[in-house]
């Protein structure tokens, strides 16, 4: 679709414009968080997220409730993100949005808003793969003048290093578990993935069985610090190649509890911390085993983590231990960019803008990609 500022876009990409600045507004609405972000020349100016606590009552995300909440949240979130960034609508060069994968109703809200904004400003529309965004969260940068707390405070400055190409990325979230070879910002190859459930789903469903609130992953991480990771043993899958499987682990965990509860109705309460620690240890070892294989097969020692489960303290510690043993260079996004957020969509949109990868207004959201 032609744009009145199309020549401006070409000049920006070719480096001939007087004003080389590229400003992207991004929308993320794939699941239950409504997020908006603004980047300018790969530097993040704002990243706002509205959470939906209503789902905790149901022990998981309810699609209909999620889409309704997105409709309520999207305008305030975008408005706040733009004000925080100090950016006016006329300064936006393109709008990036999550095309998928995700919940269809949620995706539709974000896509519709992005299309409306792009049409009203006659600027390009950029469709982003949510999973690609998670990987590129590793490249989110703060402006050079950003002030961080002193290194000796409780919140030290984040690691600003970025991986070199090619690198391996272990993408672990509630809905996906993949190992990718990342050859460039927009060139990625999946070399291993789950054949059934994702690691994050295993955390949440096993947590639900032992009475933990949704999402259970962060709660398990916290409780596991007080438990024995070797107290209990659960089934590990025997899957060929670099693929994963977590359905057998969930079944093993369920049957283990069933048998122990027959012997002692208070078994979970008495052993909660060690149950969490043992479950977490098993999941981390399953993830690491395939990552070790992938590094050995490809010869790549640049290793990135991405996705919500990359915030897990045991996984980060285990990967950093492997880094010392195997001379890996490990990269992990800031905590704020591990969960679903628009910053990762914005940075992906920026690199797609530079390559002129724009979408028409007939682009449709996709629950699966």
Protein backbone atom coordinates (compact mmCIF):
# COMPACT_ATOMS: atom_id res chain seq x y z
CA UNK A 1 0.00 0.00 0.00
CA UNK A 2 1.49 3.40 -0.95
CA UNK A 3 2.25 5.97 1.71
CA UNK A 4 2.56 9.73 1.31
CA UNK A 5 5.92 9.54 3.11
CA UNK A 6 7.17 6.53 1.14
CA UNK A 7 10.10 8.49 -0.29
CA UNK A 8 11.00 9.51 3.25
CA UNK A 9 11.06 5.85 4.24
CA UNK A 10 13.36 4.92 1.34
CA UNK A 11 15.71 7.78 2.19
CA UNK A 12 15.89 6.70 5.80
CA UNK A 13 16.75 3.17 4.77
CA UNK A 14 19.37 4.32 2.23
CA UNK A 15 20.94 6.86 4.56
CA UNK A 16 20.22 9.99 2.54
CA UNK A 17 17.64 11.69 4.74
CA UNK A 18 18.57 14.79 6.69
CA UNK A 19 16.82 13.36 9.72
CA UNK A 20 18.00 9.77 10.09
CA UNK A 21 15.90 9.05 13.15
CA UNK A 22 13.44 6.13 12.89
CA UNK A 23 10.70 5.97 15.52
CA UNK A 24 8.54 2.87 15.91
CA UNK A 25 5.38 2.42 17.98
CA UNK A 26 4.77 -1.23 18.90
CA UNK A 27 1.76 -3.13 20.21
CA UNK A 28 1.87 -6.54 21.93
CA UNK A 29 -1.42 -8.31 22.74
CA UNK A 30 -0.80 -12.01 22.09
CA UNK A 31 -2.09 -13.31 25.41
CA UNK A 32 -3.20 -11.57 28.62
CA UNK A 33 -0.87 -8.55 28.82
CA UNK A 34 -1.52 -5.35 26.88
CA UNK A 35 1.75 -3.61 26.11
CA UNK A 36 2.96 -0.64 24.07
CA UNK A 37 6.50 0.56 23.48
CA UNK A 38 8.38 3.19 21.51
CA UNK A 39 11.88 2.78 20.07
CA UNK A 40 13.98 5.32 18.25
CA UNK A 41 16.95 4.04 16.29
CA UNK A 42 17.01 0.75 18.24
CA UNK A 43 16.93 2.56 21.60
CA UNK A 44 13.94 1.93 23.85
CA UNK A 45 12.18 5.10 24.98
CA UNK A 46 9.24 3.49 26.78
CA UNK A 47 7.68 0.11 27.50
CA UNK A 48 4.32 -0.02 29.29
CA UNK A 49 2.41 -3.15 30.29
CA UNK A 50 -1.10 -3.61 31.69
CA UNK A 51 -1.54 -6.97 33.41
CA UNK A 52 -4.80 -8.90 33.75
CA UNK A 53 -5.14 -10.32 37.26
CA UNK A 54 -8.65 -11.65 36.55
CA UNK A 55 -7.20 -14.92 35.20
CA UNK A 56 -5.70 -15.93 38.56
CA UNK A 57 -9.18 -16.89 39.75
CA UNK A 58 -9.48 -19.46 36.94
CA UNK A 59 -5.98 -20.91 37.18
CA UNK A 60 -5.17 -19.93 33.59
CA UNK A 61 -5.92 -17.42 30.85
CA UNK A 62 -9.57 -17.19 29.76
CA UNK A 63 -9.49 -16.04 26.09
CA UNK A 64 -12.78 -14.12 26.14
CA UNK A 65 -11.86 -12.21 29.29
CA UNK A 66 -8.41 -11.49 27.86
CA UNK A 67 -9.74 -9.92 24.66
CA UNK A 68 -12.19 -7.75 26.59
CA UNK A 69 -9.45 -6.51 28.89
CA UNK A 70 -7.25 -5.67 25.90
CA UNK A 71 -10.05 -3.49 24.52
CA UNK A 72 -10.17 -1.59 27.80
CA UNK A 73 -6.42 -1.28 28.21
CA UNK A 74 -4.98 -0.60 24.79
CA UNK A 75 -5.73 3.11 24.41
CA UNK A 76 -4.50 4.10 27.91
CA UNK A 77 -1.40 1.93 27.54
CA UNK A 78 -0.46 3.40 24.15
CA UNK A 79 -1.13 6.92 25.39
CA UNK A 80 1.07 6.38 28.45
CA UNK A 81 3.88 4.82 26.39
CA UNK A 82 3.96 7.74 23.96
CA UNK A 83 3.87 10.35 26.72
CA UNK A 84 6.64 8.59 28.60
CA UNK A 85 8.72 8.49 25.43
CA UNK A 86 8.05 12.17 24.77
CA UNK A 87 6.82 11.30 21.28
CA UNK A 88 3.88 12.80 19.40
CA UNK A 89 1.76 10.81 16.90
CA UNK A 90 3.20 12.74 13.96
CA UNK A 91 6.71 11.61 14.93
CA UNK A 92 5.91 7.90 14.53
CA UNK A 93 7.38 6.43 11.33
CA UNK A 94 5.70 3.00 11.51
CA UNK A 95 3.52 0.82 13.73
CA UNK A 96 4.61 -2.72 14.63
CA UNK A 97 2.21 -5.24 16.12
CA UNK A 98 2.19 -8.90 17.12
CA UNK A 99 0.64 -10.90 14.28
CA UNK A 100 0.92 -14.20 16.16
CA UNK A 101 1.12 -16.77 17.52
CA UNK A 102 -1.30 -16.17 20.36
CA UNK A 103 -4.97 -16.00 21.32
CA UNK A 104 -6.99 -14.91 18.30
CA UNK A 105 -9.28 -12.53 20.17
CA UNK A 106 -6.33 -10.85 21.87
CA UNK A 107 -4.35 -10.57 18.64
CA UNK A 108 -7.30 -9.00 16.86
CA UNK A 109 -7.45 -6.14 19.35
CA UNK A 110 -3.78 -5.26 18.87
CA UNK A 111 -3.88 -5.70 15.10
CA UNK A 112 -7.01 -3.56 14.73
CA UNK A 113 -5.55 -0.74 16.79
CA UNK A 114 -2.26 -0.84 14.87
CA UNK A 115 -4.07 -0.76 11.51
CA UNK A 116 -6.24 2.14 12.61
CA UNK A 117 -3.24 4.13 13.83
CA UNK A 118 -1.26 3.40 10.66
CA UNK A 119 -4.17 4.41 8.40
CA UNK A 120 -4.85 7.60 10.34
CA UNK A 121 -1.19 8.68 10.04
CA UNK A 122 -0.63 7.11 6.58
CA UNK A 123 2.46 5.28 7.81
CA UNK A 124 3.68 1.69 7.29
CA UNK A 125 2.40 -1.29 9.21
CA UNK A 126 4.83 -3.99 10.39
CA UNK A 127 3.65 -7.50 11.35
CA UNK A 128 5.88 -9.25 13.89
CA UNK A 129 6.19 -12.90 14.86
CA UNK A 130 5.89 -13.01 18.66
CA UNK A 131 8.60 -15.68 18.98
CA UNK A 132 11.01 -13.74 16.81
CA UNK A 133 10.36 -10.81 19.13
CA UNK A 134 11.37 -12.86 22.17
CA UNK A 135 14.73 -13.62 20.54
CA UNK A 136 15.35 -10.00 19.59
CA UNK A 137 14.65 -8.92 23.17
CA UNK A 138 18.36 -9.68 23.53
CA UNK A 139 19.02 -6.54 21.44
CA UNK A 140 16.84 -4.06 23.31
CA UNK A 141 19.01 -1.07 24.24
CA UNK A 142 18.44 1.86 26.55
CA UNK A 143 19.41 5.36 25.34
CA UNK A 144 23.10 6.20 25.96
CA UNK A 145 22.20 8.77 28.61
CA UNK A 146 20.11 6.32 30.68
CA UNK A 147 21.08 6.49 34.33
CA UNK A 148 21.38 3.24 36.26
CA UNK A 149 21.78 2.71 40.01
CA UNK A 150 25.31 2.45 41.34
CA UNK A 151 26.83 -1.06 40.87
CA UNK A 152 26.83 -1.72 44.62
CA UNK A 153 23.10 -1.08 45.07
CA UNK A 154 20.35 -3.70 45.21
CA UNK A 155 19.55 -3.09 41.53
CA UNK A 156 22.78 -3.02 39.53
CA UNK A 157 23.00 -1.82 35.95
CA UNK A 158 21.92 -4.52 33.46
CA UNK A 159 24.29 -6.44 31.25
CA UNK A 160 24.39 -4.44 28.02
CA UNK A 161 26.37 -6.99 25.99
CA UNK A 162 24.73 -8.38 22.86
CA UNK A 163 25.36 -11.74 21.18
CA UNK A 164 27.36 -12.01 17.99
CA UNK A 165 25.96 -13.85 14.98
CA UNK A 166 25.49 -16.73 14.69
CA UNK A 167 24.25 -17.66 18.15
CA UNK A 168 22.05 -20.32 19.67
CA UNK A 169 18.93 -19.17 21.45
CA UNK A 170 16.99 -21.28 23.92
CA UNK A 171 13.48 -19.83 23.74
CA UNK A 172 11.43 -21.01 26.71
CA UNK A 173 7.96 -19.72 27.55
CA UNK A 174 4.53 -20.83 28.68
CA UNK A 175 3.55 -21.81 25.18
CA UNK A 176 6.80 -22.58 23.37
CA UNK A 177 10.14 -24.30 23.85
CA UNK A 178 12.63 -24.06 20.99
CA UNK A 179 16.33 -24.02 20.16
CA UNK A 180 17.17 -21.70 17.29
CA UNK A 181 20.24 -20.83 15.28
CA UNK A 182 20.11 -17.05 14.88
CA UNK A 183 22.21 -15.96 11.89
CA UNK A 184 21.00 -12.36 11.68
CA UNK A 185 18.34 -10.15 13.23
CA UNK A 186 15.67 -11.55 10.94
CA UNK A 187 17.23 -14.88 9.94
CA UNK A 188 16.51 -17.71 12.36
CA UNK A 189 16.26 -21.49 12.03
CA UNK A 190 14.50 -23.78 14.51
CA UNK A 191 16.69 -26.85 15.10
CA UNK A 192 14.76 -28.25 18.07
CA UNK A 193 11.35 -27.75 19.65
CA UNK A 194 8.82 -29.39 21.91
CA UNK A 195 6.68 -32.08 20.34
CA UNK A 196 3.91 -31.58 22.91
CA UNK A 197 3.91 -29.28 25.94
CA UNK A 198 6.18 -26.32 26.64
CA UNK A 199 8.44 -26.02 29.68
CA UNK A 200 6.46 -23.08 31.04
CA UNK A 201 3.26 -25.09 30.71
CA UNK A 202 4.85 -27.92 32.71
CA UNK A 203 5.71 -25.47 35.49
CA UNK A 204 2.18 -24.05 35.58
CA UNK A 205 0.25 -27.33 35.35
CA UNK A 206 2.39 -29.16 37.89
CA UNK A 207 2.13 -26.13 40.14
CA UNK A 208 -1.64 -26.22 39.87
CA UNK A 209 -1.64 -29.88 40.98
CA UNK A 210 0.11 -28.96 44.22
CA UNK A 211 -2.17 -26.01 44.86
CA UNK A 212 -0.02 -23.09 43.68
CA UNK A 213 -1.59 -19.99 42.13
CA UNK A 214 -1.35 -19.11 38.42
CA UNK A 215 1.19 -18.48 37.05
CA UNK A 216 3.01 -21.09 39.10
CA UNK A 217 6.47 -20.73 37.56
CA UNK A 218 7.65 -17.76 39.66
CA UNK A 219 6.17 -19.31 42.83
CA UNK A 220 7.98 -22.61 42.20
CA UNK A 221 11.21 -20.70 41.64
CA UNK A 222 10.82 -18.98 45.01
CA UNK A 223 9.85 -22.08 47.00
CA UNK A 224 12.57 -24.20 45.36
CA UNK A 225 15.25 -22.07 46.99
CA UNK A 226 14.29 -23.63 50.34
CA UNK A 227 14.07 -27.23 49.06
CA UNK A 228 16.27 -30.14 48.03
CA UNK A 229 16.48 -30.49 44.22
CA UNK A 230 17.54 -34.13 44.53
CA UNK A 231 14.83 -35.16 47.00
CA UNK A 232 12.56 -36.70 44.35
CA UNK A 233 13.08 -38.12 40.88
CA UNK A 234 10.68 -37.67 37.99
CA UNK A 235 10.52 -39.14 34.49
CA UNK A 236 12.71 -37.61 31.79
CA UNK A 237 11.81 -38.00 28.13
CA UNK A 238 13.92 -39.90 25.64
CA UNK A 239 13.40 -37.86 22.50
CA UNK A 240 15.66 -38.09 19.48
CA UNK A 241 17.44 -35.15 17.87
CA UNK A 242 17.14 -31.78 19.61
CA UNK A 243 13.42 -31.92 20.30
CA UNK A 244 11.74 -31.67 23.70
CA UNK A 245 8.79 -33.31 25.42
CA UNK A 246 7.24 -32.39 28.76
CA UNK A 247 3.96 -34.31 28.74
CA UNK A 248 5.61 -37.40 30.26
CA UNK A 249 7.09 -35.34 33.07
CA UNK A 250 3.66 -33.94 33.95
CA UNK A 251 2.19 -37.45 34.02
CA UNK A 252 5.07 -38.74 36.14
CA UNK A 253 4.62 -35.87 38.59
CA UNK A 254 0.88 -36.53 38.86
CA UNK A 255 1.26 -40.28 39.45
CA UNK A 256 4.06 -39.70 41.97
CA UNK A 257 1.80 -37.43 44.01
CA UNK A 258 -1.14 -39.83 43.74
CA UNK A 259 0.90 -42.65 45.25
CA UNK A 260 2.46 -40.52 47.99
CA UNK A 261 -0.87 -39.01 49.00
CA UNK A 262 -2.28 -42.50 49.53
CA UNK A 263 0.45 -43.07 52.08
CA UNK A 264 0.30 -39.61 53.65
CA UNK A 265 -2.52 -37.12 52.94
CA UNK A 266 -0.24 -34.29 54.11
CA UNK A 267 2.64 -35.24 51.82
CA UNK A 268 2.44 -32.10 49.65
CA UNK A 269 2.29 -29.73 52.60
CA UNK A 270 5.23 -31.45 54.32
CA UNK A 271 7.40 -31.56 51.18
CA UNK A 272 6.28 -28.53 49.18
CA UNK A 273 9.67 -26.82 48.92
CA UNK A 274 11.50 -29.99 47.87
CA UNK A 275 8.76 -30.91 45.41
CA UNK A 276 9.24 -27.53 43.76
CA UNK A 277 13.02 -27.83 43.83
CA UNK A 278 13.00 -31.35 42.34
CA UNK A 279 10.51 -30.42 39.62
CA UNK A 280 12.48 -27.32 38.71
CA UNK A 281 15.77 -29.24 38.69
CA UNK A 282 14.29 -31.83 36.32
CA UNK A 283 12.91 -29.24 33.89
CA UNK A 284 16.19 -27.30 33.86
CA UNK A 285 18.21 -30.47 33.21
CA UNK A 286 15.93 -31.45 30.33
CA UNK A 287 16.40 -27.99 28.80
CA UNK A 288 20.16 -27.96 29.32
CA UNK A 289 20.73 -31.44 27.93
CA UNK A 290 19.46 -30.45 24.49
CA UNK A 291 21.24 -27.08 24.61
CA UNK A 292 24.53 -28.86 25.27
CA UNK A 293 23.88 -31.15 22.31
CA UNK A 294 23.00 -28.22 20.07
CA UNK A 295 26.19 -26.36 20.95
CA UNK A 296 28.27 -29.46 20.31
CA UNK A 297 26.59 -30.20 16.97
CA UNK A 298 26.82 -26.64 15.64
CA UNK A 299 30.07 -25.59 17.28
CA UNK A 300 28.38 -22.38 18.41
CA UNK A 301 29.33 -21.05 21.84
CA UNK A 302 27.35 -17.82 21.74
CA UNK A 303 24.25 -18.72 23.78
CA UNK A 304 21.14 -16.62 24.37
CA UNK A 305 18.12 -17.24 26.60
CA UNK A 306 14.71 -15.77 25.83
CA UNK A 307 11.07 -16.08 26.84
CA UNK A 308 9.33 -15.94 30.20
CA UNK A 309 11.07 -19.01 31.65
CA UNK A 310 14.46 -17.38 31.01
CA UNK A 311 13.67 -15.38 34.18
CA UNK A 312 13.89 -18.61 36.22
CA UNK A 313 16.83 -18.28 38.62
CA UNK A 314 17.77 -21.98 38.49
CA UNK A 315 17.88 -21.98 34.69
CA UNK A 316 20.03 -18.86 34.59
CA UNK A 317 22.40 -20.28 37.22
CA UNK A 318 22.67 -23.62 35.41
CA UNK A 319 23.39 -21.98 32.04
CA UNK A 320 26.02 -19.74 33.60
CA UNK A 321 27.67 -22.81 35.18
CA UNK A 322 27.72 -24.48 31.77
CA UNK A 323 29.24 -21.31 30.34
CA UNK A 324 32.25 -21.69 32.63
CA UNK A 325 32.68 -25.39 31.79
CA UNK A 326 32.17 -25.07 28.04
CA UNK A 327 33.46 -21.55 27.41
CA UNK A 328 30.09 -20.25 26.36
CA UNK A 329 29.27 -16.59 26.13
CA UNK A 330 25.78 -16.30 27.65
CA UNK A 331 23.27 -13.50 27.08
CA UNK A 332 20.00 -13.04 28.98
CA UNK A 333 17.54 -10.16 28.50
CA UNK A 334 16.69 -7.81 31.33
CA UNK A 335 13.90 -9.24 33.47
CA UNK A 336 11.37 -6.74 32.07
CA UNK A 337 11.99 -8.07 28.54
CA UNK A 338 11.71 -11.78 29.30
CA UNK A 339 7.90 -11.77 29.68
CA UNK A 340 5.51 -10.71 26.92
CA UNK A 341 6.21 -7.04 26.23
CA UNK A 342 6.07 -4.53 23.40
CA UNK A 343 9.76 -3.63 23.63
CA UNK A 344 10.65 -6.89 21.88
CA UNK A 345 8.03 -6.19 19.19
CA UNK A 346 9.37 -2.67 18.75
CA UNK A 347 13.00 -3.72 18.27
CA UNK A 348 11.92 -6.39 15.77
CA UNK A 349 9.80 -3.80 14.00
CA UNK A 350 12.81 -1.50 13.79
CA UNK A 351 14.94 -4.08 12.00
CA UNK A 352 12.06 -4.99 9.69
CA UNK A 353 11.62 -1.28 8.93
CA UNK A 354 15.26 -1.03 7.87
CA UNK A 355 14.68 -3.88 5.41
CA UNK A 356 11.38 -2.47 4.16
CA UNK A 357 9.40 -5.49 5.37
CA UNK A 358 5.99 -3.85 5.62
CA UNK A 359 2.55 -5.46 5.75
CA UNK A 360 -0.59 -4.52 3.84
CA UNK A 361 -3.72 -3.55 5.73
CA UNK A 362 -5.25 -6.87 4.76
CA UNK A 363 -2.77 -8.69 6.99
CA UNK A 364 -4.55 -11.05 9.40
CA UNK A 365 -3.60 -12.22 12.90
CA UNK A 366 -2.59 -15.85 13.16
CA UNK A 367 -3.13 -18.02 16.24
CA UNK A 368 -0.35 -20.28 14.94
CA UNK A 369 2.55 -19.32 12.73
